[in-house]
Every structure is written in structure tokens, then in C-alpha cells.
């Protein structure tokens, strides 16, 4: 039985097949591939975008969705993760989508469950479906011609599970990745590193991926205020000018910190397209994992 814990769980051919199927799902028409199936979502961390995206994806495939309210669940009363896994397993779901503040939790749960587990984000570790939808958005925009395209990932890279997953996945598809961040947000890496976002760097860029500053994951305050950070790393129109590129962000966006209000309205900013693509790619992932398991049983 297979799970999606990191982007490494799918090979390159499988990912291209997922992109192709997701492209068909962009018509937003309901399907019956998972009719009679049930999918449980359990989010130990707050989420609006990812949770609603997965639930929309499941319902469009014809599946029932059970959302476990963690605040009201026994886990908030001291129930162990292993007990929670056993309870979930006893309910007989066809897949479980989990998000947790601690890295490794989806992987631990997967060892104790008899259904596919999809990682919807764990700590600083991974967010595989976000990386897949980002790749899907890039792939669609450039009509498949993505090898060698230059991407700048900008922001709190060190603390970002989105960055981790994208670096692994986009490297496999041979995008040219540069990291742009202040020293304290820069991970140890062999990738190209820049500590300032300037016009010279922008001039040679096809894609900018802006990241949210992960204040909740910092052990101590780094900046006196986020406005100090924004002075150097906010994506603004006067910096991009008329450069032909696309701007991505996993959300939620800190306006005028990550991206200026003006750029949020710019046609080069594809954030809403990412949201739509996210539902389609998650449909493809859920269908693949659940139906593959059925075929093997």
C-alpha cells in the first residue's frame, strides 16, 4: 500500500501522469471514481486553504468526507497518537489526510493504518501536494517547457515545508533554483544563494515563489517588525517593472510583507490559479492512491 508523505513517493513518470489527469479535472465537473468511498481529514494545525481544497477534491470525486475536529477529539484530552491512529483505522476510511505541527507524524500514522495516508503538511518537513500543484501551475503556464526555467524562492526558506518539497520536486524536473533570503532564513544547501532581491536577479528570473514568514516556527523574534523584513524582500511592482515572469505563493499571503497589494492584482500573480490547480491535483492524488489500493486487494 502506498502513501504520499513526501514528493519522493512518486516517480517522475507518475507525476507527469498526475499532471495530465489533473488537467482534465480543471473542468470542475463532478466524477464518480470514488463513489462509496470515505476520506477522513484530521488537521492538528489550523488550515483553510489546504483543508477545503482536499475536501472539495474528495467530494468532486464522489467520496464522503469525515472531518475530525481535533479541538473536540480525544487527542486534546491526552489520547496518544497511536491510539488516535487505531481509532481512525477502526472506522475503515479509504484514505486519511493529515496535517500536524510536528515533522514525521504522517509517516508514523502511515505505519499503523490500513489505508493510504496523505501528508497535508508536517512541521518544517514536507508539503507534497503543495509542491505538486506548484509544479502543475508552472507546467501549464509554460506549456510543458520547464527544463532550465529559472525560479527564485524568496523568504523564510529555512522554516518552510513548502520550500523543502518544491526544492526536491523542481530539482528533479531540472528547473534552475535560486534561494533568496536573509542569512537567518537561509538553509544549508548547495543551491545558489542570494541575500538580496534586486533588479539584476529579477532580470534573469522566469518564476518567483514568495513564501510566508513562519513566525510561529521561530524560537525567537528575528525582526523588530515584519515591515523591516518587507523593506528587503516584499515583491513589489516597482521591482518587477514589466519583466515577463510569474509570481506564486502558497498562501496565506501577508499583504505588503510577502507581496504588495499592487502585485496581488497583477496578472503575473497566479495565486488564485494555484488554488484552482490545487483541487485538481489533489483529486488526481486521492484517485491514484485509493484506486491503486483497491486493485492490489
Protein backbone atom coordinates (compact mmCIF):
# COMPACT_ATOMS: atom_id res chain seq x y z
CA UNK A 1 0.00 0.00 0.00
CA UNK A 2 1.26 3.44 -0.91
CA UNK A 3 1.15 6.79 0.85
CA UNK A 4 2.10 10.34 -0.10
CA UNK A 5 4.38 11.55 2.67
CA UNK A 6 6.95 13.38 0.54
CA UNK A 7 7.27 14.19 -3.15
CA UNK A 8 9.79 11.33 -3.41
CA UNK A 9 6.91 8.85 -3.05
CA UNK A 10 6.03 9.33 -6.73
CA UNK A 11 8.48 8.89 -9.58
CA UNK A 12 8.75 11.34 -12.44
CA UNK A 13 6.52 9.36 -14.81
CA UNK A 14 3.82 9.03 -12.15
CA UNK A 15 3.95 12.77 -11.53
CA UNK A 16 3.56 13.55 -15.23
CA UNK A 17 0.55 11.22 -15.29
CA UNK A 18 -0.90 13.05 -12.27
CA UNK A 19 -0.44 16.39 -14.06
CA UNK A 20 -2.23 15.03 -17.11
CA UNK A 21 -5.18 13.76 -15.09
CA UNK A 22 -5.35 16.97 -13.05
CA UNK A 23 -5.56 18.92 -16.28
CA UNK A 24 -8.74 17.02 -17.14
CA UNK A 25 -10.17 17.77 -13.69
CA UNK A 26 -9.84 21.53 -14.25
CA UNK A 27 -13.30 21.48 -15.86
CA UNK A 28 -14.65 21.21 -12.26
CA UNK A 29 -17.24 18.62 -13.27
CA UNK A 30 -18.16 16.02 -10.64
CA UNK A 31 -16.84 12.48 -11.08
CA UNK A 32 -17.82 9.12 -9.59
CA UNK A 33 -14.38 7.47 -9.36
CA UNK A 34 -14.58 7.36 -5.55
CA UNK A 35 -18.32 6.88 -5.15
CA UNK A 36 -18.97 4.88 -1.99
CA UNK A 37 -15.51 5.70 -0.57
CA UNK A 38 -14.85 7.71 2.56
CA UNK A 39 -11.97 10.10 3.27
CA UNK A 40 -11.09 11.38 6.73
CA UNK A 41 -9.36 14.73 7.25
CA UNK A 42 -7.55 15.32 10.52
CA UNK A 43 -5.75 18.64 10.88
CA UNK A 44 -3.86 19.21 14.12
CA UNK A 45 -2.82 22.62 12.73
CA UNK A 46 -5.13 25.36 11.51
CA UNK A 47 -5.79 25.42 7.79
CA UNK A 48 -8.33 26.97 5.48
CA UNK A 49 -6.90 26.62 2.00
CA UNK A 50 -5.44 23.09 2.17
CA UNK A 51 -8.29 21.58 4.21
CA UNK A 52 -11.04 22.96 1.97
CA UNK A 53 -9.03 22.00 -1.12
CA UNK A 54 -8.77 18.36 -0.06
CA UNK A 55 -12.42 18.20 0.95
CA UNK A 56 -13.52 19.77 -2.35
CA UNK A 57 -11.33 17.30 -4.23
CA UNK A 58 -12.81 14.31 -2.38
CA UNK A 59 -16.41 15.45 -2.93
CA UNK A 60 -15.84 16.13 -6.63
CA UNK A 61 -14.70 12.52 -6.94
CA UNK A 62 -17.90 11.31 -5.29
CA UNK A 63 -16.39 10.42 -1.91
CA UNK A 64 -17.84 11.10 1.54
CA UNK A 65 -15.73 13.29 3.83
CA UNK A 66 -15.43 12.97 7.59
CA UNK A 67 -13.66 15.91 9.21
CA UNK A 68 -12.26 15.04 12.64
CA UNK A 69 -12.45 18.12 14.86
CA UNK A 70 -9.16 17.92 16.75
CA UNK A 71 -10.19 20.56 19.29
CA UNK A 72 -13.06 18.31 20.35
CA UNK A 73 -11.32 14.97 19.84
CA UNK A 74 -9.77 12.73 22.48
CA UNK A 75 -6.29 13.78 21.34
CA UNK A 76 -6.93 17.11 23.06
CA UNK A 77 -7.59 15.14 26.26
CA UNK A 78 -4.31 13.25 26.23
CA UNK A 79 -5.00 10.39 23.82
CA UNK A 80 -1.73 9.22 22.23
CA UNK A 81 -1.05 9.45 18.53
CA UNK A 82 -1.03 5.64 18.34
CA UNK A 83 -4.46 5.43 19.95
CA UNK A 84 -5.76 8.06 17.57
CA UNK A 85 -4.40 6.02 14.66
CA UNK A 86 -6.11 2.88 15.95
CA UNK A 87 -9.45 4.68 16.34
CA UNK A 88 -9.20 6.16 12.85
CA UNK A 89 -8.28 2.78 11.38
CA UNK A 90 -11.26 1.11 13.06
CA UNK A 91 -13.58 3.48 11.23
CA UNK A 92 -12.44 1.94 7.94
CA UNK A 93 -11.65 5.06 5.88
CA UNK A 94 -10.33 4.66 2.34
CA UNK A 95 -7.77 7.43 2.90
CA UNK A 96 -6.71 9.80 5.64
CA UNK A 97 -5.41 13.33 5.04
CA UNK A 98 -3.37 14.62 7.98
CA UNK A 99 -1.63 17.85 8.94
CA UNK A 100 0.49 18.21 12.06
CA UNK A 101 2.83 20.79 13.59
CA UNK A 102 5.45 18.11 14.24
CA UNK A 103 7.58 16.69 11.44
CA UNK A 104 7.19 12.95 10.92
CA UNK A 105 3.65 12.48 12.25
CA UNK A 106 2.08 11.45 8.89
CA UNK A 107 4.86 8.89 8.44
CA UNK A 108 4.24 7.46 11.92
CA UNK A 109 0.50 7.23 11.32
CA UNK A 110 1.06 5.50 7.98
CA UNK A 111 2.77 2.61 9.77
CA UNK A 112 -0.34 1.96 11.85
CA UNK A 113 -3.11 2.43 9.29
CA UNK A 114 -4.56 0.14 6.65
CA UNK A 115 -5.37 2.89 4.17
CA UNK A 116 -3.36 5.47 2.23
CA UNK A 117 -2.15 8.48 4.22
CA UNK A 118 -1.69 11.84 2.52
CA UNK A 119 0.57 14.37 4.19
CA UNK A 120 -1.09 17.80 4.14
CA UNK A 121 1.93 19.38 5.83
CA UNK A 122 4.09 18.30 8.76
CA UNK A 123 6.18 20.81 10.69
CA UNK A 124 9.09 22.15 8.66
CA UNK A 125 9.41 18.85 6.81
CA UNK A 126 7.16 18.47 3.77
CA UNK A 127 4.00 19.57 1.98
CA UNK A 128 3.96 17.33 -1.10
CA UNK A 129 0.62 18.29 -2.65
CA UNK A 130 1.56 21.98 -2.48
CA UNK A 131 4.73 21.25 -4.44
CA UNK A 132 2.75 19.17 -6.93
CA UNK A 133 0.24 21.96 -7.52
CA UNK A 134 3.09 24.46 -7.87
CA UNK A 135 4.73 22.24 -10.47
CA UNK A 136 1.35 21.84 -12.18
CA UNK A 137 0.90 25.62 -12.31
CA UNK A 138 4.39 26.14 -13.75
CA UNK A 139 4.00 23.25 -16.20
CA UNK A 140 0.68 24.60 -17.51
CA UNK A 141 1.90 28.18 -17.83
CA UNK A 142 4.98 27.22 -19.84
CA UNK A 143 3.10 24.51 -21.78
CA UNK A 144 5.40 21.79 -20.51
CA UNK A 145 8.63 23.59 -21.48
CA UNK A 146 10.02 23.91 -17.94
CA UNK A 147 13.51 22.39 -18.04
CA UNK A 148 16.06 25.10 -17.32
CA UNK A 149 13.46 27.69 -16.29
CA UNK A 150 14.87 29.92 -13.57
CA UNK A 151 12.97 30.13 -10.29
CA UNK A 152 13.73 32.28 -7.25
CA UNK A 153 12.31 31.01 -3.97
CA UNK A 154 12.08 34.05 -1.70
CA UNK A 155 11.52 34.31 2.04
CA UNK A 156 11.64 32.12 5.12
CA UNK A 157 13.09 29.11 3.30
CA UNK A 158 14.74 27.51 6.33
CA UNK A 159 11.42 27.04 8.14
CA UNK A 160 9.27 26.24 5.11
CA UNK A 161 7.93 22.76 4.34
CA UNK A 162 6.69 24.21 1.05
CA UNK A 163 10.24 25.17 0.12
CA UNK A 164 11.59 21.75 1.10
CA UNK A 165 9.09 19.91 -1.08
CA UNK A 166 9.47 22.29 -4.01
CA UNK A 167 13.25 22.14 -3.95
CA UNK A 168 13.15 18.33 -4.20
CA UNK A 169 10.46 18.21 -6.87
CA UNK A 170 11.52 21.13 -9.07
CA UNK A 171 15.14 19.94 -9.00
CA UNK A 172 14.00 16.59 -10.39
CA UNK A 173 12.31 18.40 -13.26
CA UNK A 174 15.55 20.32 -13.87
CA UNK A 175 14.42 23.83 -13.01
CA UNK A 176 17.24 26.21 -12.15
CA UNK A 177 16.63 27.13 -8.49
CA UNK A 178 17.98 30.13 -6.61
CA UNK A 179 17.23 30.83 -2.96
CA UNK A 180 16.75 34.42 -1.80
CA UNK A 181 16.56 35.14 1.93
CA UNK A 182 18.24 36.90 4.84
CA UNK A 183 21.04 34.78 6.36
CA UNK A 184 18.90 33.57 9.30
CA UNK A 185 16.21 32.27 6.90
CA UNK A 186 18.68 30.52 4.58
CA UNK A 187 19.14 26.74 4.90
CA UNK A 188 22.43 24.92 4.47
CA UNK A 189 22.38 23.98 0.79
CA UNK A 190 24.43 23.61 -2.35
CA UNK A 191 21.87 25.63 -4.32
CA UNK A 192 22.62 29.19 -5.41
CA UNK A 193 22.03 31.61 -2.55
CA UNK A 194 21.34 35.34 -2.61
CA UNK A 195 20.77 37.61 0.35
CA UNK A 196 19.10 40.45 -1.52
CA UNK A 197 16.28 40.66 -4.02
CA UNK A 198 17.42 43.12 -6.66
CA UNK A 199 16.73 44.05 -10.27
CA UNK A 200 19.73 42.13 -11.60
CA UNK A 201 18.43 38.89 -10.09
CA UNK A 202 14.88 39.56 -11.29
CA UNK A 203 16.10 40.19 -14.84
CA UNK A 204 17.21 36.56 -15.15
CA UNK A 205 14.16 35.01 -13.48
CA UNK A 206 11.15 33.23 -15.02
CA UNK A 207 9.32 32.38 -11.79
CA UNK A 208 9.26 33.89 -8.31
CA UNK A 209 7.89 31.82 -5.45
CA UNK A 210 7.29 34.02 -2.43
CA UNK A 211 6.91 32.37 0.99
CA UNK A 212 5.19 33.43 4.17
CA UNK A 213 7.42 34.29 7.10
CA UNK A 214 6.91 31.36 9.51
CA UNK A 215 6.84 33.43 12.72
CA UNK A 216 5.20 30.59 14.67
CA UNK A 217 8.22 28.36 13.97
CA UNK A 218 10.85 30.84 15.16
CA UNK A 219 12.42 30.24 18.55
CA UNK A 220 12.92 33.96 18.97
CA UNK A 221 11.96 37.17 17.23
CA UNK A 222 14.22 37.82 14.24
CA UNK A 223 12.97 41.21 13.12
CA UNK A 224 11.72 44.09 15.26
CA UNK A 225 8.76 44.10 12.88
CA UNK A 226 7.80 42.33 9.67
CA UNK A 227 7.94 45.72 7.95
CA UNK A 228 11.72 45.63 8.36
CA UNK A 229 11.75 42.29 6.52
CA UNK A 230 9.40 43.67 3.85
CA UNK A 231 11.80 46.50 3.05
CA UNK A 232 14.18 43.95 1.53
CA UNK A 233 12.02 41.00 0.45
CA UNK A 234 8.48 42.15 -0.36
CA UNK A 235 7.62 41.55 -4.02
CA UNK A 236 6.64 44.96 -5.40
CA UNK A 237 5.76 46.21 -8.85
CA UNK A 238 8.50 48.83 -8.90
CA UNK A 239 10.98 45.98 -8.52
CA UNK A 240 9.48 43.70 -11.19
CA UNK A 241 8.57 46.54 -13.58
CA UNK A 242 7.43 44.94 -16.86
CA UNK A 243 9.53 41.79 -16.53
CA UNK A 244 7.82 38.78 -18.09
CA UNK A 245 7.59 36.23 -15.28
CA UNK A 246 5.05 34.58 -12.98
CA UNK A 247 4.61 35.02 -9.24
CA UNK A 248 3.49 32.18 -6.94
CA UNK A 249 2.72 31.97 -3.23
CA UNK A 250 1.40 29.00 -1.18
CA UNK A 251 -0.79 31.25 0.98
CA UNK A 252 -1.91 32.75 3.16
CA UNK A 253 -0.23 35.93 1.91
CA UNK A 254 0.93 38.58 4.35
CA UNK A 255 -0.01 41.55 2.19
CA UNK A 256 2.68 44.20 1.85
CA UNK A 257 5.06 41.88 3.71
CA UNK A 258 5.37 39.00 1.23
CA UNK A 259 3.68 40.64 -1.77
CA UNK A 260 2.42 44.19 -2.22
CA UNK A 261 -1.27 44.97 -2.74
CA UNK A 262 -0.48 46.18 -6.23
CA UNK A 263 1.23 42.93 -7.20
CA UNK A 264 -1.65 40.89 -5.74
CA UNK A 265 -3.80 42.40 -8.50
CA UNK A 266 -1.17 41.93 -11.22
CA UNK A 267 -1.91 39.42 -13.98
CA UNK A 268 1.50 37.83 -13.43
CA UNK A 269 0.42 36.74 -9.94
CA UNK A 270 -1.10 33.26 -10.26
CA UNK A 271 -2.19 32.65 -6.66
CA UNK A 272 -5.86 32.06 -7.47
CA UNK A 273 -4.83 29.77 -10.30
CA UNK A 274 -2.75 27.82 -7.77
CA UNK A 275 -5.86 27.39 -5.62
CA UNK A 276 -7.87 26.01 -8.53
CA UNK A 277 -4.99 23.79 -9.60
CA UNK A 278 -4.69 22.54 -6.02
CA UNK A 279 -8.16 20.99 -6.07
CA UNK A 280 -7.43 19.28 -9.40
CA UNK A 281 -4.04 17.87 -8.34
CA UNK A 282 -5.48 16.60 -5.04
CA UNK A 283 -8.27 14.89 -6.96
CA UNK A 284 -5.62 13.11 -9.03
CA UNK A 285 -3.64 12.11 -5.91
CA UNK A 286 -6.65 10.76 -3.99
CA UNK A 287 -7.90 8.84 -7.01
CA UNK A 288 -4.48 7.30 -7.65
CA UNK A 289 -3.80 6.17 -4.09
CA UNK A 290 -7.28 4.82 -3.34
CA UNK A 291 -7.89 3.00 -6.62
CA UNK A 292 -4.34 1.57 -6.65
CA UNK A 293 -5.02 0.06 -3.22
CA UNK A 294 -8.30 -1.44 -4.44
CA UNK A 295 -6.53 -3.00 -7.43
CA UNK A 296 -3.99 -4.68 -5.16
CA UNK A 297 -6.56 -6.07 -2.74
